[in-house]
Structure formats: C-alpha cells, structure tokens
Amino acid sequence: GVSFAFAQQDKVVNAKTEYERYLTALKPALAGRSVLLLIDELLHHLDSRNDQELVIDLQTLQGLGEFCRTNPFVFMAGLQQSLFQNKRFQHVADEINKVRQRFQDVVIDSKGVEQLVETHVFAKDDKQKAQIRNLLQAQTDLYEVVGSELERFVALFPAHPLFLDEFQ
C-alpha cells in the first residue's frame, strides 16, 4: 500500500498542489496507469454543506477538474440530478459555472453504466481484448459464468459484470 495523508483543509492554499502530492506518492505503485476517483451521492454531500463550506467544496472540484485535464487522474461523481441546473445552488452560480467548465456532464441511465465502463473507464484495443479473452478462456472450466458471458467479461475487464449489475 501507499501511505499518504492530505493536508488539513484550512492549510491548503491550492487543491491542485494536494492532488499533485497525492499522484507523486502513488506514482511508483501506478506503473503507468491512471487513478480513478469515484464518488457517489456527491449532490447529497454538497446539499448538506453551509454556504462557506459549499464554496470551498466547489473550488476544490474546480481544482480537481483542472488537475484531471493534464494528469493520469480521472474523477467521476454520481448525482441523482444535475448539479449544474439545481436551484438549490443558484446563490453560488459563479462557482458552479467554473466547475461546469472543467467537467463533462453525462446523463447515464441504468443501461448506460455498462457502456460507460466499457468505452471510457476500461477502454481496450483489439490486442488487449484478445489477451484478456485468452486468459479468461483458460479459466472457463473453473468458472462456468465466464464461459457463457465471455465477451461481456472481456469488454468490462477488470470490472466484474455482477458488480455492474449490483451497481445499476
């Protein structure tokens, strides 16, 4: 594992600096791969914050969006409704717009989760798919479900299809 502690929020001047420190600490363990930060129910969290905390959180998201553009770091957040059109946050519209400029707002229904994972989160070229297919085919005797859904396992690898079924 990697030992890392973020600085206390009141000590952070620029959130991007903290992300850079984090990525630097993780770099030896990444072996050329990216980091995926996935947060569910972000809107619920933001809705619970007072105005000062909300502004700080939105500035942090803004910095995260900027950081993701130039680093091997992917951020995804689950929201039950759009943050960007939510009337609850009209009083911080400027901060919301700065966040919106740095992120892509994607509406995903339950059928789209699998497609998102396949095409964006764990995208693979044909050579990679062939390697994964060969590895999985060697194990089909041990795991019946792999044999019957081999192409789904290949497309979603390293995510397990049952995980996505539960996620939806």
N, C-alpha and C. Protein backbone atom coordinates (compact mmCIF):
# COMPACT_ATOMS: atom_id res chain seq x y z
N GLY A 1 0.82 -1.18 0.00
CA GLY A 1 0.00 0.00 0.00
C GLY A 1 0.86 1.24 0.00
N VAL A 2 0.20 2.34 -0.20
CA VAL A 2 0.86 3.63 -0.23
C VAL A 2 0.37 4.44 0.95
N SER A 3 1.31 4.98 1.71
CA SER A 3 0.96 5.81 2.85
C SER A 3 0.92 7.26 2.42
N PHE A 4 -0.22 7.91 2.60
CA PHE A 4 -0.37 9.31 2.21
C PHE A 4 -1.43 9.96 3.07
N ALA A 5 -1.20 11.22 3.42
CA ALA A 5 -2.20 11.99 4.16
C ALA A 5 -2.32 13.36 3.50
N PHE A 6 -3.56 13.73 3.17
CA PHE A 6 -3.80 15.07 2.64
C PHE A 6 -3.62 16.08 3.77
N ALA A 7 -3.20 17.28 3.41
CA ALA A 7 -3.07 18.36 4.39
C ALA A 7 -4.45 18.75 4.90
N GLN A 8 -4.50 19.31 6.09
CA GLN A 8 -5.77 19.80 6.64
C GLN A 8 -6.32 20.87 5.70
N GLN A 9 -7.64 20.86 5.53
CA GLN A 9 -8.28 21.76 4.57
C GLN A 9 -7.94 23.23 4.83
N ASP A 10 -7.86 23.62 6.08
CA ASP A 10 -7.57 25.03 6.39
C ASP A 10 -6.11 25.40 6.08
N LYS A 11 -5.27 24.42 5.80
CA LYS A 11 -3.87 24.66 5.47
C LYS A 11 -3.62 24.64 3.95
N VAL A 12 -4.65 24.25 3.19
CA VAL A 12 -4.49 24.10 1.74
C VAL A 12 -4.79 25.43 1.05
N VAL A 13 -3.81 25.93 0.31
CA VAL A 13 -3.99 27.17 -0.45
C VAL A 13 -4.50 26.84 -1.85
N ASN A 14 -3.99 25.76 -2.43
CA ASN A 14 -4.35 25.35 -3.78
C ASN A 14 -4.57 23.83 -3.77
N ALA A 15 -5.79 23.41 -4.05
CA ALA A 15 -6.12 21.98 -4.03
C ALA A 15 -5.30 21.19 -5.04
N LYS A 16 -4.96 21.81 -6.18
CA LYS A 16 -4.18 21.10 -7.19
C LYS A 16 -2.83 20.64 -6.63
N THR A 17 -2.26 21.43 -5.75
CA THR A 17 -0.98 21.05 -5.14
C THR A 17 -1.14 19.76 -4.34
N GLU A 18 -2.25 19.62 -3.66
CA GLU A 18 -2.50 18.39 -2.90
C GLU A 18 -2.68 17.20 -3.82
N TYR A 19 -3.39 17.38 -4.94
CA TYR A 19 -3.55 16.29 -5.90
C TYR A 19 -2.20 15.90 -6.49
N GLU A 20 -1.35 16.88 -6.76
CA GLU A 20 -0.02 16.60 -7.30
C GLU A 20 0.81 15.80 -6.29
N ARG A 21 0.73 16.18 -5.02
CA ARG A 21 1.45 15.42 -3.98
C ARG A 21 0.94 13.98 -3.92
N TYR A 22 -0.37 13.84 -4.00
CA TYR A 22 -1.00 12.52 -3.95
C TYR A 22 -0.55 11.66 -5.13
N LEU A 23 -0.60 12.22 -6.32
CA LEU A 23 -0.20 11.47 -7.51
C LEU A 23 1.27 11.11 -7.47
N THR A 24 2.11 12.01 -6.97
CA THR A 24 3.54 11.74 -6.82
C THR A 24 3.77 10.56 -5.87
N ALA A 25 3.02 10.54 -4.77
CA ALA A 25 3.15 9.44 -3.81
C ALA A 25 2.68 8.12 -4.41
N LEU A 26 1.68 8.17 -5.28
CA LEU A 26 1.14 6.95 -5.90
C LEU A 26 1.94 6.47 -7.11
N LYS A 27 2.69 7.35 -7.71
CA LYS A 27 3.36 7.05 -8.98
C LYS A 27 4.10 5.71 -9.00
N PRO A 28 4.89 5.37 -7.98
CA PRO A 28 5.59 4.08 -8.03
C PRO A 28 4.63 2.88 -8.10
N ALA A 29 3.47 2.99 -7.49
CA ALA A 29 2.51 1.89 -7.49
C ALA A 29 1.65 1.87 -8.75
N LEU A 30 1.58 2.95 -9.48
CA LEU A 30 0.70 3.04 -10.64
C LEU A 30 1.23 2.29 -11.86
N ALA A 31 2.53 2.23 -12.01
CA ALA A 31 3.16 1.53 -13.15
C ALA A 31 2.55 2.00 -14.48
N GLY A 32 2.43 3.32 -14.65
CA GLY A 32 1.92 3.86 -15.90
C GLY A 32 0.41 3.92 -16.02
N ARG A 33 -0.29 3.48 -15.01
CA ARG A 33 -1.76 3.51 -15.06
C ARG A 33 -2.28 4.82 -14.48
N SER A 34 -3.58 5.01 -14.58
CA SER A 34 -4.23 6.21 -14.06
C SER A 34 -4.93 5.92 -12.75
N VAL A 35 -5.30 6.97 -12.07
CA VAL A 35 -6.08 6.89 -10.83
C VAL A 35 -7.52 7.22 -11.18
N LEU A 36 -8.46 6.46 -10.63
CA LEU A 36 -9.88 6.73 -10.79
C LEU A 36 -10.44 7.04 -9.41
N LEU A 37 -10.99 8.23 -9.25
CA LEU A 37 -11.67 8.62 -8.03
C LEU A 37 -13.15 8.65 -8.35
N LEU A 38 -13.91 7.82 -7.68
CA LEU A 38 -15.34 7.70 -7.93
C LEU A 38 -16.09 8.04 -6.65
N ILE A 39 -16.97 9.01 -6.73
CA ILE A 39 -17.76 9.43 -5.56
C ILE A 39 -19.24 9.31 -5.91
N ASP A 40 -19.97 8.64 -5.07
CA ASP A 40 -21.41 8.50 -5.26
C ASP A 40 -22.12 9.49 -4.34
N GLU A 41 -23.27 9.96 -4.77
CA GLU A 41 -24.10 10.87 -3.98
C GLU A 41 -23.39 12.18 -3.65
N LEU A 42 -22.65 12.72 -4.59
CA LEU A 42 -21.97 13.99 -4.37
C LEU A 42 -22.96 15.12 -4.08
N LEU A 43 -24.07 15.11 -4.78
CA LEU A 43 -25.08 16.15 -4.57
C LEU A 43 -25.60 16.14 -3.14
N HIS A 44 -25.78 14.96 -2.59
CA HIS A 44 -26.24 14.83 -1.21
C HIS A 44 -25.23 15.48 -0.25
N HIS A 45 -23.95 15.24 -0.51
CA HIS A 45 -22.90 15.85 0.32
C HIS A 45 -22.94 17.38 0.19
N LEU A 46 -22.97 17.89 -1.04
CA LEU A 46 -22.96 19.34 -1.25
C LEU A 46 -24.19 20.00 -0.64
N ASP A 47 -25.31 19.31 -0.71
CA ASP A 47 -26.56 19.84 -0.16
C ASP A 47 -26.49 19.97 1.36
N SER A 48 -25.64 19.21 1.99
CA SER A 48 -25.53 19.23 3.45
C SER A 48 -24.60 20.33 3.97
N ARG A 49 -23.93 21.01 3.06
CA ARG A 49 -22.90 21.98 3.46
C ARG A 49 -23.49 23.37 3.65
N ASN A 50 -22.90 24.14 4.58
CA ASN A 50 -23.30 25.54 4.71
C ASN A 50 -22.64 26.31 3.55
N ASP A 51 -23.00 27.57 3.40
CA ASP A 51 -22.54 28.32 2.23
C ASP A 51 -21.02 28.42 2.13
N GLN A 52 -20.35 28.65 3.24
CA GLN A 52 -18.89 28.77 3.21
C GLN A 52 -18.26 27.44 2.82
N GLU A 53 -18.73 26.34 3.41
CA GLU A 53 -18.19 25.01 3.09
C GLU A 53 -18.50 24.66 1.63
N LEU A 54 -19.67 25.05 1.16
CA LEU A 54 -20.06 24.76 -0.22
C LEU A 54 -19.12 25.45 -1.21
N VAL A 55 -18.80 26.70 -0.96
CA VAL A 55 -17.88 27.43 -1.84
C VAL A 55 -16.51 26.75 -1.85
N ILE A 56 -16.03 26.35 -0.69
CA ILE A 56 -14.73 25.66 -0.61
C ILE A 56 -14.79 24.34 -1.37
N ASP A 57 -15.88 23.59 -1.21
CA ASP A 57 -16.02 22.32 -1.93
C ASP A 57 -16.05 22.54 -3.45
N LEU A 58 -16.76 23.56 -3.89
CA LEU A 58 -16.82 23.85 -5.32
C LEU A 58 -15.47 24.30 -5.86
N GLN A 59 -14.72 25.06 -5.09
CA GLN A 59 -13.37 25.44 -5.50
C GLN A 59 -12.46 24.22 -5.58
N THR A 60 -12.65 23.28 -4.67
CA THR A 60 -11.88 22.04 -4.69
C THR A 60 -12.21 21.24 -5.94
N LEU A 61 -13.50 21.15 -6.29
CA LEU A 61 -13.91 20.45 -7.51
C LEU A 61 -13.35 21.14 -8.75
N GLN A 62 -13.32 22.45 -8.73
CA GLN A 62 -12.75 23.22 -9.84
C GLN A 62 -11.27 22.85 -10.02
N GLY A 63 -10.53 22.85 -8.93
CA GLY A 63 -9.12 22.47 -8.99
C GLY A 63 -8.93 21.04 -9.45
N LEU A 64 -9.81 20.14 -9.01
CA LEU A 64 -9.73 18.75 -9.42
C LEU A 64 -9.96 18.62 -10.92
N GLY A 65 -10.93 19.36 -11.43
CA GLY A 65 -11.19 19.33 -12.87
C GLY A 65 -10.00 19.80 -13.68
N GLU A 66 -9.35 20.86 -13.22
CA GLU A 66 -8.14 21.36 -13.90
C GLU A 66 -7.02 20.33 -13.83
N PHE A 67 -6.88 19.71 -12.69
CA PHE A 67 -5.82 18.71 -12.49
C PHE A 67 -6.03 17.51 -13.40
N CYS A 68 -7.27 17.07 -13.54
CA CYS A 68 -7.57 15.89 -14.35
C CYS A 68 -7.23 16.08 -15.82
N ARG A 69 -7.31 17.30 -16.29
CA ARG A 69 -7.04 17.57 -17.71
C ARG A 69 -5.62 17.25 -18.13
N THR A 70 -4.67 17.37 -17.21
CA THR A 70 -3.26 17.23 -17.58
C THR A 70 -2.54 16.11 -16.83
N ASN A 71 -3.28 15.29 -16.12
CA ASN A 71 -2.66 14.23 -15.32
C ASN A 71 -3.42 12.91 -15.49
N PRO A 72 -2.76 11.80 -15.19
CA PRO A 72 -3.42 10.50 -15.29
C PRO A 72 -4.36 10.28 -14.09
N PHE A 73 -5.38 11.10 -14.02
CA PHE A 73 -6.30 11.10 -12.89
C PHE A 73 -7.70 11.33 -13.45
N VAL A 74 -8.62 10.43 -13.16
CA VAL A 74 -9.99 10.52 -13.65
C VAL A 74 -10.92 10.65 -12.46
N PHE A 75 -11.85 11.58 -12.55
CA PHE A 75 -12.83 11.79 -11.48
C PHE A 75 -14.23 11.60 -12.04
N MET A 76 -15.01 10.79 -11.35
CA MET A 76 -16.41 10.59 -11.71
C MET A 76 -17.24 10.72 -10.45
N ALA A 77 -18.38 11.39 -10.58
CA ALA A 77 -19.27 11.55 -9.43
C ALA A 77 -20.68 11.17 -9.84
N GLY A 78 -21.34 10.46 -8.94
CA GLY A 78 -22.73 10.09 -9.15
C GLY A 78 -23.63 11.12 -8.50
N LEU A 79 -24.59 11.60 -9.27
CA LEU A 79 -25.56 12.58 -8.78
C LEU A 79 -26.95 12.10 -9.16
N GLN A 80 -27.92 12.31 -8.31
CA GLN A 80 -29.28 11.92 -8.63
C GLN A 80 -29.95 12.92 -9.56
N GLN A 81 -29.45 14.13 -9.58
CA GLN A 81 -29.93 15.15 -10.51
C GLN A 81 -28.76 16.05 -10.84
N SER A 82 -28.92 16.87 -11.85
CA SER A 82 -27.81 17.70 -12.30
C SER A 82 -27.43 18.76 -11.27
N LEU A 83 -26.19 18.81 -10.96
CA LEU A 83 -25.65 19.85 -10.08
C LEU A 83 -25.75 21.20 -10.77
N PHE A 84 -25.56 21.20 -12.08
CA PHE A 84 -25.43 22.45 -12.81
C PHE A 84 -26.74 23.20 -13.01
N GLN A 85 -27.88 22.50 -12.94
CA GLN A 85 -29.17 23.17 -13.08
C GLN A 85 -29.97 23.17 -11.77
N ASN A 86 -29.36 22.80 -10.69
CA ASN A 86 -30.06 22.67 -9.42
C ASN A 86 -30.32 24.06 -8.82
N LYS A 87 -31.58 24.36 -8.55
CA LYS A 87 -31.96 25.67 -8.00
C LYS A 87 -31.40 25.90 -6.60
N ARG A 88 -31.15 24.84 -5.87
CA ARG A 88 -30.60 24.95 -4.51
C ARG A 88 -29.27 25.71 -4.50
N PHE A 89 -28.55 25.64 -5.61
CA PHE A 89 -27.21 26.22 -5.67
C PHE A 89 -27.14 27.50 -6.50
N GLN A 90 -28.28 28.14 -6.75
CA GLN A 90 -28.28 29.36 -7.57
C GLN A 90 -27.44 30.48 -6.96
N HIS A 91 -27.38 30.53 -5.64
CA HIS A 91 -26.62 31.60 -4.99
C HIS A 91 -25.10 31.45 -5.15
N VAL A 92 -24.66 30.29 -5.64
CA VAL A 92 -23.24 30.08 -5.92
C VAL A 92 -23.05 29.74 -7.41
N ALA A 93 -23.86 30.38 -8.23
CA ALA A 93 -23.88 30.09 -9.67
C ALA A 93 -22.51 30.30 -10.32
N ASP A 94 -21.78 31.34 -9.90
CA ASP A 94 -20.45 31.59 -10.48
C ASP A 94 -19.52 30.41 -10.23
N GLU A 95 -19.51 29.92 -8.99
CA GLU A 95 -18.65 28.78 -8.65
C GLU A 95 -19.10 27.52 -9.39
N ILE A 96 -20.42 27.33 -9.48
CA ILE A 96 -20.96 26.17 -10.21
C ILE A 96 -20.53 26.23 -11.68
N ASN A 97 -20.61 27.39 -12.29
CA ASN A 97 -20.21 27.52 -13.70
C ASN A 97 -18.72 27.24 -13.90
N LYS A 98 -17.88 27.63 -12.93
CA LYS A 98 -16.45 27.32 -13.03
C LYS A 98 -16.21 25.81 -12.97
N VAL A 99 -16.98 25.13 -12.13
CA VAL A 99 -16.88 23.67 -12.05
C VAL A 99 -17.37 23.07 -13.37
N ARG A 100 -18.48 23.56 -13.87
CA ARG A 100 -19.07 23.02 -15.11
C ARG A 100 -18.10 23.13 -16.28
N GLN A 101 -17.32 24.20 -16.34
CA GLN A 101 -16.37 24.39 -17.43
C GLN A 101 -15.27 23.33 -17.42
N ARG A 102 -15.08 22.67 -16.30
CA ARG A 102 -13.98 21.72 -16.15
C ARG A 102 -14.41 20.26 -16.17
N PHE A 103 -15.70 20.02 -16.23
CA PHE A 103 -16.21 18.65 -16.23
C PHE A 103 -17.23 18.46 -17.32
N GLN A 104 -17.38 17.22 -17.72
CA GLN A 104 -18.40 16.86 -18.69
C GLN A 104 -19.58 16.29 -17.92
N ASP A 105 -20.76 16.82 -18.18
CA ASP A 105 -21.98 16.37 -17.54
C ASP A 105 -22.57 15.27 -18.40
N VAL A 106 -22.56 14.04 -17.91
CA VAL A 106 -23.06 12.90 -18.66
C VAL A 106 -24.24 12.31 -17.91
N VAL A 107 -25.37 12.21 -18.60
CA VAL A 107 -26.56 11.59 -18.01
C VAL A 107 -26.54 10.12 -18.38
N ILE A 108 -26.57 9.26 -17.37
CA ILE A 108 -26.48 7.82 -17.60
C ILE A 108 -27.68 7.14 -16.97
N ASP A 109 -28.40 6.41 -17.79
CA ASP A 109 -29.46 5.58 -17.23
C ASP A 109 -28.86 4.23 -16.87
N SER A 110 -29.64 3.36 -16.32
CA SER A 110 -29.09 2.08 -15.84
C SER A 110 -28.46 1.26 -16.96
N LYS A 111 -28.94 1.37 -18.18
CA LYS A 111 -28.37 0.62 -19.30
C LYS A 111 -27.03 1.21 -19.74
N GLY A 112 -26.83 2.49 -19.47
CA GLY A 112 -25.62 3.15 -19.92
C GLY A 112 -24.42 2.95 -19.04
N VAL A 113 -24.61 2.45 -17.82
CA VAL A 113 -23.49 2.26 -16.91
C VAL A 113 -22.48 1.28 -17.50
N GLU A 114 -22.97 0.18 -18.00
CA GLU A 114 -22.07 -0.83 -18.58
C GLU A 114 -21.33 -0.27 -19.79
N GLN A 115 -22.03 0.47 -20.62
CA GLN A 115 -21.40 1.06 -21.80
C GLN A 115 -20.34 2.08 -21.39
N LEU A 116 -20.61 2.86 -20.37
CA LEU A 116 -19.64 3.84 -19.88
C LEU A 116 -18.38 3.15 -19.38
N VAL A 117 -18.55 2.10 -18.61
CA VAL A 117 -17.40 1.36 -18.09
C VAL A 117 -16.59 0.77 -19.24
N GLU A 118 -17.29 0.18 -20.20
CA GLU A 118 -16.61 -0.46 -21.33
C GLU A 118 -15.87 0.52 -22.22
N THR A 119 -16.48 1.65 -22.53
CA THR A 119 -15.89 2.55 -23.52
C THR A 119 -15.03 3.67 -22.95
N HIS A 120 -15.21 4.00 -21.67
CA HIS A 120 -14.45 5.12 -21.12
C HIS A 120 -13.57 4.75 -19.94
N VAL A 121 -14.11 4.01 -19.00
CA VAL A 121 -13.35 3.72 -17.79
C VAL A 121 -12.29 2.65 -18.06
N PHE A 122 -12.69 1.56 -18.74
CA PHE A 122 -11.76 0.47 -19.01
C PHE A 122 -11.70 0.19 -20.52
N ALA A 123 -11.50 1.21 -21.31
CA ALA A 123 -11.40 1.05 -22.76
C ALA A 123 -10.19 0.19 -23.11
N LYS A 124 -10.37 -0.69 -24.09
CA LYS A 124 -9.30 -1.59 -24.52
C LYS A 124 -9.26 -1.65 -26.04
N ASP A 125 -8.06 -1.84 -26.58
CA ASP A 125 -7.96 -2.04 -28.03
C ASP A 125 -8.13 -3.53 -28.32
N ASP A 126 -8.14 -3.88 -29.60
CA ASP A 126 -8.38 -5.28 -30.00
C ASP A 126 -7.31 -6.23 -29.46
N LYS A 127 -6.07 -5.78 -29.43
CA LYS A 127 -4.98 -6.62 -28.92
C LYS A 127 -5.19 -6.92 -27.43
N GLN A 128 -5.55 -5.90 -26.67
CA GLN A 128 -5.81 -6.10 -25.24
C GLN A 128 -7.00 -7.03 -25.02
N LYS A 129 -8.04 -6.86 -25.82
CA LYS A 129 -9.21 -7.73 -25.70
C LYS A 129 -8.83 -9.19 -25.99
N ALA A 130 -7.99 -9.39 -26.98
CA ALA A 130 -7.55 -10.76 -27.32
C ALA A 130 -6.76 -11.37 -26.17
N GLN A 131 -5.88 -10.59 -25.54
CA GLN A 131 -5.10 -11.08 -24.41
C GLN A 131 -6.03 -11.47 -23.24
N ILE A 132 -6.98 -10.62 -22.96
CA ILE A 132 -7.91 -10.89 -21.86
C ILE A 132 -8.76 -12.11 -22.18
N ARG A 133 -9.24 -12.20 -23.42
CA ARG A 133 -10.05 -13.34 -23.85
C ARG A 133 -9.27 -14.65 -23.67
N ASN A 134 -8.00 -14.66 -24.07
CA ASN A 134 -7.17 -15.86 -23.92
C ASN A 134 -6.99 -16.24 -22.45
N LEU A 135 -6.76 -15.24 -21.60
CA LEU A 135 -6.60 -15.52 -20.16
C LEU A 135 -7.89 -16.07 -19.56
N LEU A 136 -9.00 -15.47 -19.94
CA LEU A 136 -10.28 -15.92 -19.38
C LEU A 136 -10.69 -17.29 -19.91
N GLN A 137 -10.44 -17.55 -21.19
CA GLN A 137 -10.79 -18.85 -21.77
C GLN A 137 -10.04 -19.98 -21.07
N ALA A 138 -8.84 -19.70 -20.61
CA ALA A 138 -8.07 -20.71 -19.91
C ALA A 138 -8.71 -21.05 -18.55
N GLN A 139 -9.60 -20.21 -18.07
CA GLN A 139 -10.22 -20.41 -16.76
C GLN A 139 -11.70 -20.80 -16.84
N THR A 140 -12.25 -20.96 -18.03
CA THR A 140 -13.69 -21.21 -18.15
C THR A 140 -14.13 -22.51 -17.49
N ASP A 141 -13.24 -23.49 -17.38
CA ASP A 141 -13.60 -24.73 -16.70
C ASP A 141 -13.84 -24.50 -15.22
N LEU A 142 -13.16 -23.53 -14.65
CA LEU A 142 -13.29 -23.24 -13.23
C LEU A 142 -14.48 -22.34 -12.93
N TYR A 143 -14.84 -21.51 -13.88
CA TYR A 143 -15.92 -20.54 -13.65
C TYR A 143 -16.92 -20.60 -14.80
N GLU A 144 -18.01 -21.33 -14.60
CA GLU A 144 -19.00 -21.51 -15.65
C GLU A 144 -19.52 -20.20 -16.22
N VAL A 145 -19.76 -19.23 -15.34
CA VAL A 145 -20.36 -17.98 -15.77
C VAL A 145 -19.47 -17.24 -16.77
N VAL A 146 -18.16 -17.42 -16.67
CA VAL A 146 -17.26 -16.76 -17.61
C VAL A 146 -17.48 -17.31 -19.01
N GLY A 147 -17.61 -18.60 -19.13
CA GLY A 147 -17.80 -19.21 -20.44
C GLY A 147 -19.06 -18.73 -21.14
N SER A 148 -20.14 -18.62 -20.41
CA SER A 148 -21.41 -18.23 -21.02
C SER A 148 -21.48 -16.74 -21.33
N GLU A 149 -20.65 -15.94 -20.67
CA GLU A 149 -20.66 -14.49 -20.90
C GLU A 149 -19.26 -13.97 -21.18
N LEU A 150 -18.48 -14.76 -21.89
CA LEU A 150 -17.07 -14.43 -22.12
C LEU A 150 -16.89 -13.02 -22.69
N GLU A 151 -17.64 -12.68 -23.72
CA GLU A 151 -17.44 -11.38 -24.36
C GLU A 151 -17.79 -10.22 -23.42
N ARG A 152 -18.77 -10.42 -22.56
CA ARG A 152 -19.12 -9.39 -21.58
C ARG A 152 -17.98 -9.23 -20.57
N PHE A 153 -17.41 -10.34 -20.12
CA PHE A 153 -16.27 -10.27 -19.20
C PHE A 153 -15.09 -9.56 -19.85
N VAL A 154 -14.82 -9.87 -21.12
CA VAL A 154 -13.72 -9.24 -21.84
C VAL A 154 -13.96 -7.73 -21.96
N ALA A 155 -15.15 -7.34 -22.35
CA ALA A 155 -15.46 -5.93 -22.57
C ALA A 155 -15.35 -5.12 -21.28
N LEU A 156 -15.74 -5.70 -20.16
CA LEU A 156 -15.80 -4.96 -18.90
C LEU A 156 -14.54 -5.12 -18.05
N PHE A 157 -13.68 -6.06 -18.38
CA PHE A 157 -12.49 -6.33 -17.58
C PHE A 157 -11.74 -5.05 -17.28
N PRO A 158 -11.31 -4.80 -16.06
CA PRO A 158 -11.26 -5.66 -14.89
C PRO A 158 -12.51 -5.62 -14.00
N ALA A 159 -13.52 -4.89 -14.40
CA ALA A 159 -14.76 -4.89 -13.61
C ALA A 159 -15.49 -6.20 -13.82
N HIS A 160 -16.08 -6.72 -12.78
CA HIS A 160 -16.87 -7.94 -12.87
C HIS A 160 -18.30 -7.58 -13.24
N PRO A 161 -18.88 -8.26 -14.22
CA PRO A 161 -20.26 -7.94 -14.63
C PRO A 161 -21.27 -7.95 -13.48
N LEU A 162 -21.10 -8.85 -12.52
CA LEU A 162 -22.05 -8.89 -11.40
C LEU A 162 -21.95 -7.62 -10.55
N PHE A 163 -20.77 -7.04 -10.47
CA PHE A 163 -20.62 -5.77 -9.76
C PHE A 163 -21.46 -4.69 -10.45
N LEU A 164 -21.37 -4.65 -11.77
CA LEU A 164 -22.15 -3.65 -12.50
C LEU A 164 -23.64 -3.91 -12.40
N ASP A 165 -24.04 -5.18 -12.37
CA ASP A 165 -25.46 -5.50 -12.18
C ASP A 165 -25.95 -4.95 -10.85
N GLU A 166 -25.14 -5.09 -9.81
CA GLU A 166 -25.49 -4.56 -8.48
C GLU A 166 -25.47 -3.06 -8.46
N PHE A 167 -24.50 -2.47 -9.15
CA PHE A 167 -24.34 -1.02 -9.19
C PHE A 167 -25.56 -0.35 -9.81
N GLN A 168 -26.14 -1.00 -10.82
CA GLN A 168 -27.27 -0.41 -11.53
C GLN A 168 -28.51 -0.52 -10.67
